[in-house]
Amino acid sequence: MTAPTASRRAHLPLRPLWLCRVCAAPWPCAAARLDLVAEYADDRVALSVYLCAVLHEAAADLYRLNPQDGPDPAALFARFLAWAPRRRPADE
């Protein structure tokens, strides 16, 4: 991932809320997703493994914040994993 410059800050999660520290959107926000795809452009499997790990951490954090309702598993899957490219365009 390219280092953020003074004009561009990294879109990182604010835990335990899992909101973007820059734009306050649910993390991974659109900018974070673009950064992650660029960072893992040569290793889509590693991107999937990373996203599975943060999904697990987010589910635990969000459940601790709201144990009565808990996070919706389908919504968490869509937020953390469903958007990730499964293969490079050249592989199609």
PDB file of N, CA and C in Angstrom:
ATOM      1  N   MET A   1       0.852  -1.164   0.000  1.00  0.00           N
ATOM      2  CA  MET A   1       0.000   0.000   0.000  1.00  0.00           C
ATOM      3  C   MET A   1       0.893   1.220   0.000  1.00  0.00           C
ATOM      4  N   THR A   2       0.564   2.173  -0.797  1.00  0.00           N
ATOM      5  CA  THR A   2       1.373   3.379  -0.843  1.00  0.00           C
ATOM      6  C   THR A   2       1.169   4.180   0.416  1.00  0.00           C
ATOM      7  N   ALA A   3       2.237   4.841   0.854  1.00  0.00           N
ATOM      8  CA  ALA A   3       2.163   5.632   2.073  1.00  0.00           C
ATOM      9  C   ALA A   3       1.294   6.859   1.845  1.00  0.00           C
ATOM     10  N   PRO A   4       0.411   7.144   2.805  1.00  0.00           N
ATOM     11  CA  PRO A   4      -0.433   8.327   2.640  1.00  0.00           C
ATOM     12  C   PRO A   4       0.405   9.599   2.718  1.00  0.00           C
ATOM     13  N   THR A   5       0.067  10.554   1.907  1.00  0.00           N
ATOM     14  CA  THR A   5       0.771  11.826   1.930  1.00  0.00           C
ATOM     15  C   THR A   5       0.014  12.781   2.837  1.00  0.00           C
ATOM     16  N   ALA A   6       0.526  13.989   2.962  1.00  0.00           N
ATOM     17  CA  ALA A   6      -0.126  14.980   3.812  1.00  0.00           C
ATOM     18  C   ALA A   6      -1.532  15.279   3.311  1.00  0.00           C
ATOM     19  N   SER A   7      -1.746  15.193   2.001  1.00  0.00           N
ATOM     20  CA  SER A   7      -3.059  15.491   1.448  1.00  0.00           C
ATOM     21  C   SER A   7      -3.978  14.270   1.437  1.00  0.00           C
ATOM     22  N   ARG A   8      -3.442  13.091   1.690  1.00  0.00           N
ATOM     23  CA  ARG A   8      -4.269  11.881   1.663  1.00  0.00           C
ATOM     24  C   ARG A   8      -3.959  11.027   2.879  1.00  0.00           C
ATOM     25  N   ARG A   9      -4.915  10.923   3.755  1.00  0.00           N
ATOM     26  CA  ARG A   9      -4.744  10.108   4.958  1.00  0.00           C
ATOM     27  C   ARG A   9      -5.288   8.712   4.707  1.00  0.00           C
ATOM     28  N   ALA A  10      -4.687   7.737   5.359  1.00  0.00           N
ATOM     29  CA  ALA A  10      -5.132   6.349   5.213  1.00  0.00           C
ATOM     30  C   ALA A  10      -6.506   6.169   5.852  1.00  0.00           C
ATOM     31  N   HIS A  11      -7.365   5.467   5.163  1.00  0.00           N
ATOM     32  CA  HIS A  11      -8.708   5.167   5.665  1.00  0.00           C
ATOM     33  C   HIS A  11      -8.624   3.881   6.482  1.00  0.00           C
ATOM     34  N   LEU A  12      -8.391   4.038   7.774  1.00  0.00           N
ATOM     35  CA  LEU A  12      -8.208   2.913   8.686  1.00  0.00           C
ATOM     36  C   LEU A  12      -9.389   2.807   9.634  1.00  0.00           C
ATOM     37  N   PRO A  13      -9.622   1.619  10.208  1.00  0.00           N
ATOM     38  CA  PRO A  13     -10.782   1.446  11.089  1.00  0.00           C
ATOM     39  C   PRO A  13     -10.566   2.050  12.473  1.00  0.00           C
ATOM     40  N   LEU A  14     -11.638   2.591  13.014  1.00  0.00           N
ATOM     41  CA  LEU A  14     -11.680   3.054  14.396  1.00  0.00           C
ATOM     42  C   LEU A  14     -12.390   1.963  15.184  1.00  0.00           C
ATOM     43  N   ARG A  15     -11.608   1.254  15.971  1.00  0.00           N
ATOM     44  CA  ARG A  15     -12.166   0.142  16.730  1.00  0.00           C
ATOM     45  C   ARG A  15     -12.564   0.633  18.117  1.00  0.00           C
ATOM     46  N   PRO A  16     -13.588   0.098  18.710  1.00  0.00           N
ATOM     47  CA  PRO A  16     -14.370  -1.080  18.351  1.00  0.00           C
ATOM     48  C   PRO A  16     -15.588  -0.782  17.474  1.00  0.00           C
ATOM     49  N   LEU A  17     -15.740   0.473  17.033  1.00  0.00           N
ATOM     50  CA  LEU A  17     -16.920   0.830  16.239  1.00  0.00           C
ATOM     51  C   LEU A  17     -16.835   0.376  14.795  1.00  0.00           C
ATOM     52  N   TRP A  18     -15.642   0.164  14.294  1.00  0.00           N
ATOM     53  CA  TRP A  18     -15.393  -0.228  12.912  1.00  0.00           C
ATOM     54  C   TRP A  18     -15.962   0.793  11.932  1.00  0.00           C
ATOM     55  N   LEU A  19     -15.654   2.064  12.241  1.00  0.00           N
ATOM     56  CA  LEU A  19     -15.937   3.162  11.335  1.00  0.00           C
ATOM     57  C   LEU A  19     -14.616   3.682  10.813  1.00  0.00           C
ATOM     58  N   CYS A  20     -14.620   4.289   9.639  1.00  0.00           N
ATOM     59  CA  CYS A  20     -13.408   4.838   9.056  1.00  0.00           C
ATOM     60  C   CYS A  20     -12.967   6.057   9.857  1.00  0.00           C
ATOM     61  N   ARG A  21     -11.674   6.129  10.162  1.00  0.00           N
ATOM     62  CA  ARG A  21     -11.132   7.260  10.915  1.00  0.00           C
ATOM     63  C   ARG A  21     -11.155   8.556  10.121  1.00  0.00           C
ATOM     64  N   VAL A  22     -11.227   8.481   8.802  1.00  0.00           N
ATOM     65  CA  VAL A  22     -11.185   9.674   7.961  1.00  0.00           C
ATOM     66  C   VAL A  22     -12.582  10.145   7.587  1.00  0.00           C
ATOM     67  N   CYS A  23     -13.404   9.242   7.062  1.00  0.00           N
ATOM     68  CA  CYS A  23     -14.709   9.658   6.523  1.00  0.00           C
ATOM     69  C   CYS A  23     -15.902   9.218   7.373  1.00  0.00           C
ATOM     70  N   ALA A  24     -15.671   8.452   8.423  1.00  0.00           N
ATOM     71  CA  ALA A  24     -16.699   7.989   9.361  1.00  0.00           C
ATOM     72  C   ALA A  24     -17.710   7.020   8.732  1.00  0.00           C
ATOM     73  N   ALA A  25     -17.438   6.519   7.549  1.00  0.00           N
ATOM     74  CA  ALA A  25     -18.300   5.500   6.936  1.00  0.00           C
ATOM     75  C   ALA A  25     -17.969   4.142   7.564  1.00  0.00           C
ATOM     76  N   PRO A  26     -18.888   3.179   7.478  1.00  0.00           N
ATOM     77  CA  PRO A  26     -18.550   1.842   7.958  1.00  0.00           C
ATOM     78  C   PRO A  26     -17.292   1.335   7.245  1.00  0.00           C
ATOM     79  N   TRP A  27     -16.344   0.836   8.031  1.00  0.00           N
ATOM     80  CA  TRP A  27     -15.086   0.360   7.453  1.00  0.00           C
ATOM     81  C   TRP A  27     -15.228  -1.108   7.065  1.00  0.00           C
ATOM     82  N   PRO A  28     -14.713  -1.525   5.931  1.00  0.00           N
ATOM     83  CA  PRO A  28     -13.919  -0.774   4.964  1.00  0.00           C
ATOM     84  C   PRO A  28     -14.789   0.115   4.064  1.00  0.00           C
ATOM     85  N   CYS A  29     -14.492   1.400   4.102  1.00  0.00           N
ATOM     86  CA  CYS A  29     -15.191   2.364   3.255  1.00  0.00           C
ATOM     87  C   CYS A  29     -14.701   2.203   1.809  1.00  0.00           C
ATOM     88  N   ALA A  30     -15.275   2.954   0.911  1.00  0.00           N
ATOM     89  CA  ALA A  30     -14.899   2.830  -0.503  1.00  0.00           C
ATOM     90  C   ALA A  30     -13.408   3.095  -0.720  1.00  0.00           C
ATOM     91  N   ALA A  31     -12.882   4.116  -0.054  1.00  0.00           N
ATOM     92  CA  ALA A  31     -11.448   4.425  -0.217  1.00  0.00           C
ATOM     93  C   ALA A  31     -10.575   3.310   0.351  1.00  0.00           C
ATOM     94  N   ALA A  32     -10.956   2.755   1.490  1.00  0.00           N
ATOM     95  CA  ALA A  32     -10.198   1.648   2.082  1.00  0.00           C
ATOM     96  C   ALA A  32     -10.231   0.428   1.178  1.00  0.00           C
ATOM     97  N   ARG A  33     -11.374   0.166   0.554  1.00  0.00           N
ATOM     98  CA  ARG A  33     -11.480  -0.977  -0.353  1.00  0.00           C
ATOM     99  C   ARG A  33     -10.542  -0.810  -1.548  1.00  0.00           C
ATOM    100  N   LEU A  34     -10.505   0.395  -2.106  1.00  0.00           N
ATOM    101  CA  LEU A  34      -9.575   0.649  -3.220  1.00  0.00           C
ATOM    102  C   LEU A  34      -8.136   0.455  -2.779  1.00  0.00           C
ATOM    103  N   ASP A  35      -7.794   0.966  -1.593  1.00  0.00           N
ATOM    104  CA  ASP A  35      -6.435   0.811  -1.075  1.00  0.00           C
ATOM    105  C   ASP A  35      -6.086  -0.659  -0.861  1.00  0.00           C
ATOM    106  N   LEU A  36      -7.024  -1.420  -0.312  1.00  0.00           N
ATOM    107  CA  LEU A  36      -6.775  -2.841  -0.061  1.00  0.00           C
ATOM    108  C   LEU A  36      -6.599  -3.620  -1.362  1.00  0.00           C
ATOM    109  N   VAL A  37      -7.428  -3.342  -2.348  1.00  0.00           N
ATOM    110  CA  VAL A  37      -7.296  -4.024  -3.642  1.00  0.00           C
ATOM    111  C   VAL A  37      -5.944  -3.701  -4.265  1.00  0.00           C
ATOM    112  N   ALA A  38      -5.511  -2.456  -4.152  1.00  0.00           N
ATOM    113  CA  ALA A  38      -4.203  -2.081  -4.696  1.00  0.00           C
ATOM    114  C   ALA A  38      -3.078  -2.747  -3.915  1.00  0.00           C
ATOM    115  N   GLU A  39      -3.193  -2.761  -2.595  1.00  0.00           N
ATOM    116  CA  GLU A  39      -2.145  -3.355  -1.762  1.00  0.00           C
ATOM    117  C   GLU A  39      -1.998  -4.852  -2.008  1.00  0.00           C
ATOM    118  N   TYR A  40      -3.105  -5.535  -2.216  1.00  0.00           N
ATOM    119  CA  TYR A  40      -3.098  -6.986  -2.406  1.00  0.00           C
ATOM    120  C   TYR A  40      -3.298  -7.378  -3.866  1.00  0.00           C
ATOM    121  N   ALA A  41      -2.949  -6.506  -4.773  1.00  0.00           N
ATOM    122  CA  ALA A  41      -3.180  -6.764  -6.202  1.00  0.00           C
ATOM    123  C   ALA A  41      -2.526  -8.058  -6.677  1.00  0.00           C
ATOM    124  N   ASP A  42      -1.401  -8.405  -6.106  1.00  0.00           N
ATOM    125  CA  ASP A  42      -0.681  -9.607  -6.537  1.00  0.00           C
ATOM    126  C   ASP A  42      -0.986 -10.836  -5.688  1.00  0.00           C
ATOM    127  N   ASP A  43      -1.858 -10.696  -4.681  1.00  0.00           N
ATOM    128  CA  ASP A  43      -2.153 -11.838  -3.808  1.00  0.00           C
ATOM    129  C   ASP A  43      -3.594 -11.749  -3.303  1.00  0.00           C
ATOM    130  N   ARG A  44      -4.531 -12.138  -4.163  1.00  0.00           N
ATOM    131  CA  ARG A  44      -5.954 -12.077  -3.816  1.00  0.00           C
ATOM    132  C   ARG A  44      -6.305 -13.009  -2.670  1.00  0.00           C
ATOM    133  N   VAL A  45      -5.603 -14.123  -2.557  1.00  0.00           N
ATOM    134  CA  VAL A  45      -5.862 -15.054  -1.453  1.00  0.00           C
ATOM    135  C   VAL A  45      -5.521 -14.381  -0.128  1.00  0.00           C
ATOM    136  N   ALA A  46      -4.399 -13.686  -0.081  1.00  0.00           N
ATOM    137  CA  ALA A  46      -4.014 -12.983   1.144  1.00  0.00           C
ATOM    138  C   ALA A  46      -5.038 -11.907   1.495  1.00  0.00           C
ATOM    139  N   LEU A  47      -5.583 -11.227   0.499  1.00  0.00           N
ATOM    140  CA  LEU A  47      -6.630 -10.237   0.757  1.00  0.00           C
ATOM    141  C   LEU A  47      -7.834 -10.909   1.398  1.00  0.00           C
ATOM    142  N   SER A  48      -8.250 -12.038   0.868  1.00  0.00           N
ATOM    143  CA  SER A  48      -9.396 -12.757   1.435  1.00  0.00           C
ATOM    144  C   SER A  48      -9.123 -13.214   2.862  1.00  0.00           C
ATOM    145  N   VAL A  49      -7.932 -13.711   3.108  1.00  0.00           N
ATOM    146  CA  VAL A  49      -7.570 -14.157   4.463  1.00  0.00           C
ATOM    147  C   VAL A  49      -7.586 -12.965   5.423  1.00  0.00           C
ATOM    148  N   TYR A  50      -7.009 -11.838   4.990  1.00  0.00           N
ATOM    149  CA  TYR A  50      -6.994 -10.634   5.823  1.00  0.00           C
ATOM    150  C   TYR A  50      -8.422 -10.176   6.124  1.00  0.00           C
ATOM    151  N   LEU A  51      -9.270 -10.130   5.099  1.00  0.00           N
ATOM    152  CA  LEU A  51     -10.641  -9.673   5.297  1.00  0.00           C
ATOM    153  C   LEU A  51     -11.425 -10.618   6.202  1.00  0.00           C
ATOM    154  N   CYS A  52     -11.174 -11.913   6.112  1.00  0.00           N
ATOM    155  CA  CYS A  52     -11.816 -12.871   7.025  1.00  0.00           C
ATOM    156  C   CYS A  52     -11.389 -12.609   8.465  1.00  0.00           C
ATOM    157  N   ALA A  53     -10.112 -12.311   8.659  1.00  0.00           N
ATOM    158  CA  ALA A  53      -9.611 -12.032  10.003  1.00  0.00           C
ATOM    159  C   ALA A  53     -10.237 -10.766  10.578  1.00  0.00           C
ATOM    160  N   VAL A  54     -10.315  -9.694   9.783  1.00  0.00           N
ATOM    161  CA  VAL A  54     -10.903  -8.460  10.315  1.00  0.00           C
ATOM    162  C   VAL A  54     -12.417  -8.610  10.487  1.00  0.00           C
ATOM    163  N   LEU A  55     -13.064  -9.412   9.657  1.00  0.00           N
ATOM    164  CA  LEU A  55     -14.484  -9.687   9.857  1.00  0.00           C
ATOM    165  C   LEU A  55     -14.693 -10.352  11.211  1.00  0.00           C
ATOM    166  N   HIS A  56     -13.859 -11.302  11.542  1.00  0.00           N
ATOM    167  CA  HIS A  56     -13.951 -12.006  12.831  1.00  0.00           C
ATOM    168  C   HIS A  56     -13.748 -11.027  13.984  1.00  0.00           C
ATOM    169  N   GLU A  57     -12.745 -10.156  13.879  1.00  0.00           N
ATOM    170  CA  GLU A  57     -12.487  -9.167  14.926  1.00  0.00           C
ATOM    171  C   GLU A  57     -13.642  -8.177  15.044  1.00  0.00           C
ATOM    172  N   ALA A  58     -14.161  -7.729  13.899  1.00  0.00           N
ATOM    173  CA  ALA A  58     -15.270  -6.774  13.906  1.00  0.00           C
ATOM    174  C   ALA A  58     -16.514  -7.400  14.522  1.00  0.00           C
ATOM    175  N   ALA A  59     -16.806  -8.639  14.184  1.00  0.00           N
ATOM    176  CA  ALA A  59     -17.983  -9.305  14.746  1.00  0.00           C
ATOM    177  C   ALA A  59     -17.870  -9.373  16.269  1.00  0.00           C
ATOM    178  N   ALA A  60     -16.698  -9.711  16.773  1.00  0.00           N
ATOM    179  CA  ALA A  60     -16.503  -9.782  18.225  1.00  0.00           C
ATOM    180  C   ALA A  60     -16.652  -8.402  18.869  1.00  0.00           C
ATOM    181  N   ASP A  61     -16.027  -7.396  18.279  1.00  0.00           N
ATOM    182  CA  ASP A  61     -16.122  -6.037  18.826  1.00  0.00           C
ATOM    183  C   ASP A  61     -17.564  -5.538  18.804  1.00  0.00           C
ATOM    184  N   LEU A  62     -18.235  -5.699  17.679  1.00  0.00           N
ATOM    185  CA  LEU A  62     -19.592  -5.189  17.534  1.00  0.00           C
ATOM    186  C   LEU A  62     -20.575  -5.950  18.429  1.00  0.00           C
ATOM    187  N   TYR A  63     -20.330  -7.219  18.635  1.00  0.00           N
ATOM    188  CA  TYR A  63     -21.177  -7.991  19.547  1.00  0.00           C
ATOM    189  C   TYR A  63     -20.997  -7.501  20.982  1.00  0.00           C
ATOM    190  N   ARG A  64     -19.739  -7.206  21.371  1.00  0.00           N
ATOM    191  CA  ARG A  64     -19.489  -6.681  22.719  1.00  0.00           C
ATOM    192  C   ARG A  64     -20.190  -5.340  22.928  1.00  0.00           C
ATOM    193  N   LEU A  65     -20.260  -4.518  21.885  1.00  0.00           N
ATOM    194  CA  LEU A  65     -20.922  -3.223  21.990  1.00  0.00           C
ATOM    195  C   LEU A  65     -22.440  -3.349  22.089  1.00  0.00           C
ATOM    196  N   ASN A  66     -23.000  -4.388  21.469  1.00  0.00           N
ATOM    197  CA  ASN A  66     -24.454  -4.549  21.432  1.00  0.00           C
ATOM    198  C   ASN A  66     -24.813  -6.036  21.535  1.00  0.00           C
ATOM    199  N   PRO A  67     -24.648  -6.624  22.725  1.00  0.00           N
ATOM    200  CA  PRO A  67     -24.872  -8.072  22.840  1.00  0.00           C
ATOM    201  C   PRO A  67     -26.328  -8.499  22.679  1.00  0.00           C
ATOM    202  N   GLN A  68     -27.285  -7.593  22.880  1.00  0.00           N
ATOM    203  CA  GLN A  68     -28.682  -7.981  22.749  1.00  0.00           C
ATOM    204  C   GLN A  68     -29.038  -8.331  21.303  1.00  0.00           C
ATOM    205  N   ASP A  69     -28.658  -7.467  20.381  1.00  0.00           N
ATOM    206  CA  ASP A  69     -28.985  -7.693  18.976  1.00  0.00           C
ATOM    207  C   ASP A  69     -27.842  -8.339  18.217  1.00  0.00           C
ATOM    208  N   GLY A  70     -26.630  -7.962  18.538  1.00  0.00           N
ATOM    209  CA  GLY A  70     -25.458  -8.489  17.840  1.00  0.00           C
ATOM    210  C   GLY A  70     -25.430  -8.053  16.387  1.00  0.00           C
ATOM    211  N   PRO A  71     -24.298  -8.172  15.741  1.00  0.00           N
ATOM    212  CA  PRO A  71     -24.197  -7.802  14.331  1.00  0.00           C
ATOM    213  C   PRO A  71     -24.871  -8.842  13.437  1.00  0.00           C
ATOM    214  N   ASP A  72     -25.449  -8.392  12.334  1.00  0.00           N
ATOM    215  CA  ASP A  72     -26.085  -9.280  11.369  1.00  0.00           C
ATOM    216  C   ASP A  72     -25.007  -9.965  10.526  1.00  0.00           C
ATOM    217  N   PRO A  73     -24.912 -11.297  10.587  1.00  0.00           N
ATOM    218  CA  PRO A  73     -23.865 -11.994   9.845  1.00  0.00           C
ATOM    219  C   PRO A  73     -23.879 -11.706   8.343  1.00  0.00           C
ATOM    220  N   ALA A  74     -25.052 -11.636   7.730  1.00  0.00           N
ATOM    221  CA  ALA A  74     -25.129 -11.374   6.292  1.00  0.00           C
ATOM    222  C   ALA A  74     -24.623  -9.971   5.971  1.00  0.00           C
ATOM    223  N   ALA A  75     -24.952  -9.009   6.807  1.00  0.00           N
ATOM    224  CA  ALA A  75     -24.486  -7.639   6.592  1.00  0.00           C
ATOM    225  C   ALA A  75     -22.973  -7.548   6.763  1.00  0.00           C
ATOM    226  N   LEU A  76     -22.439  -8.257   7.747  1.00  0.00           N
ATOM    227  CA  LEU A  76     -20.985  -8.256   7.938  1.00  0.00           C
ATOM    228  C   LEU A  76     -20.280  -8.915   6.752  1.00  0.00           C
ATOM    229  N   PHE A  77     -20.839 -10.002   6.240  1.00  0.00           N
ATOM    230  CA  PHE A  77     -20.244 -10.653   5.075  1.00  0.00           C
ATOM    231  C   PHE A  77     -20.220  -9.694   3.886  1.00  0.00           C
ATOM    232  N   ALA A  78     -21.343  -9.020   3.641  1.00  0.00           N
ATOM    233  CA  ALA A  78     -21.415  -8.072   2.525  1.00  0.00           C
ATOM    234  C   ALA A  78     -20.414  -6.931   2.717  1.00  0.00           C
ATOM    235  N   ARG A  79     -20.300  -6.462   3.929  1.00  0.00           N
ATOM    236  CA  ARG A  79     -19.414  -5.328   4.229  1.00  0.00           C
ATOM    237  C   ARG A  79     -17.939  -5.687   4.119  1.00  0.00           C
ATOM    238  N   PHE A  80     -17.554  -6.854   4.596  1.00  0.00           N
ATOM    239  CA  PHE A  80     -16.140  -7.204   4.676  1.00  0.00           C
ATOM    240  C   PHE A  80     -15.644  -8.110   3.553  1.00  0.00           C
ATOM    241  N   LEU A  81     -16.477  -8.938   2.977  1.00  0.00           N
ATOM    242  CA  LEU A  81     -15.972  -9.937   2.029  1.00  0.00           C
ATOM    243  C   LEU A  81     -16.598  -9.913   0.637  1.00  0.00           C
ATOM    244  N   ALA A  82     -17.868  -9.655   0.543  1.00  0.00           N
ATOM    245  CA  ALA A  82     -18.564  -9.822  -0.736  1.00  0.00           C
ATOM    246  C   ALA A  82     -18.009  -8.941  -1.846  1.00  0.00           C
ATOM    247  N   TRP A  83     -17.458  -7.805  -1.519  1.00  0.00           N
ATOM    248  CA  TRP A  83     -16.963  -6.869  -2.519  1.00  0.00           C
ATOM    249  C   TRP A  83     -15.578  -7.247  -3.045  1.00  0.00           C
ATOM    250  N   ALA A  84     -14.848  -8.074  -2.346  1.00  0.00           N
ATOM    251  CA  ALA A  84     -13.452  -8.371  -2.699  1.00  0.00           C
ATOM    252  C   ALA A  84     -13.376  -9.155  -4.007  1.00  0.00           C
ATOM    253  N   PRO A  85     -12.502  -8.714  -4.909  1.00  0.00           N
ATOM    254  CA  PRO A  85     -12.334  -9.460  -6.176  1.00  0.00           C
ATOM    255  C   PRO A  85     -11.784 -10.861  -5.898  1.00  0.00           C
ATOM    256  N   ARG A  86     -12.329 -11.831  -6.586  1.00  0.00           N
ATOM    257  CA  ARG A  86     -11.904 -13.215  -6.369  1.00  0.00           C
ATOM    258  C   ARG A  86     -10.715 -13.606  -7.250  1.00  0.00           C
ATOM    259  N   ARG A  87     -10.567 -12.917  -8.363  1.00  0.00           N
ATOM    260  CA  ARG A  87      -9.432 -13.209  -9.242  1.00  0.00           C
ATOM    261  C   ARG A  87      -9.089 -11.959 -10.045  1.00  0.00           C
ATOM    262  N   ARG A  88      -7.911 -11.973 -10.608  1.00  0.00           N
ATOM    263  CA  ARG A  88      -7.485 -10.851 -11.435  1.00  0.00           C
ATOM    264  C   ARG A  88      -8.229 -10.870 -12.766  1.00  0.00           C
ATOM    265  N   PRO A  89      -8.472  -9.709 -13.357  1.00  0.00           N
ATOM    266  CA  PRO A  89      -9.177  -9.679 -14.643  1.00  0.00           C
ATOM    267  C   PRO A  89      -8.506 -10.548 -15.710  1.00  0.00           C
ATOM    268  N   ALA A  90      -7.193 -10.669 -15.702  1.00  0.00           N
ATOM    269  CA  ALA A  90      -6.489 -11.471 -16.701  1.00  0.00           C
ATOM    270  C   ALA A  90      -6.789 -12.971 -16.530  1.00  0.00           C
ATOM    271  N   ASP A  91      -7.240 -13.374 -15.325  1.00  0.00           N
ATOM    272  CA  ASP A  91      -7.529 -14.782 -15.057  1.00  0.00           C
ATOM    273  C   ASP A  91      -8.907 -15.200 -15.554  1.00  0.00           C
ATOM    274  N   GLU A  92      -9.750 -14.264 -15.932  1.00  0.00           N
ATOM    275  CA  GLU A  92     -11.129 -14.595 -16.310  1.00  0.00           C
ATOM    276  C   GLU A  92     -11.227 -15.259 -17.642  1.00  0.00           C
TER     277      GLU A  92
END
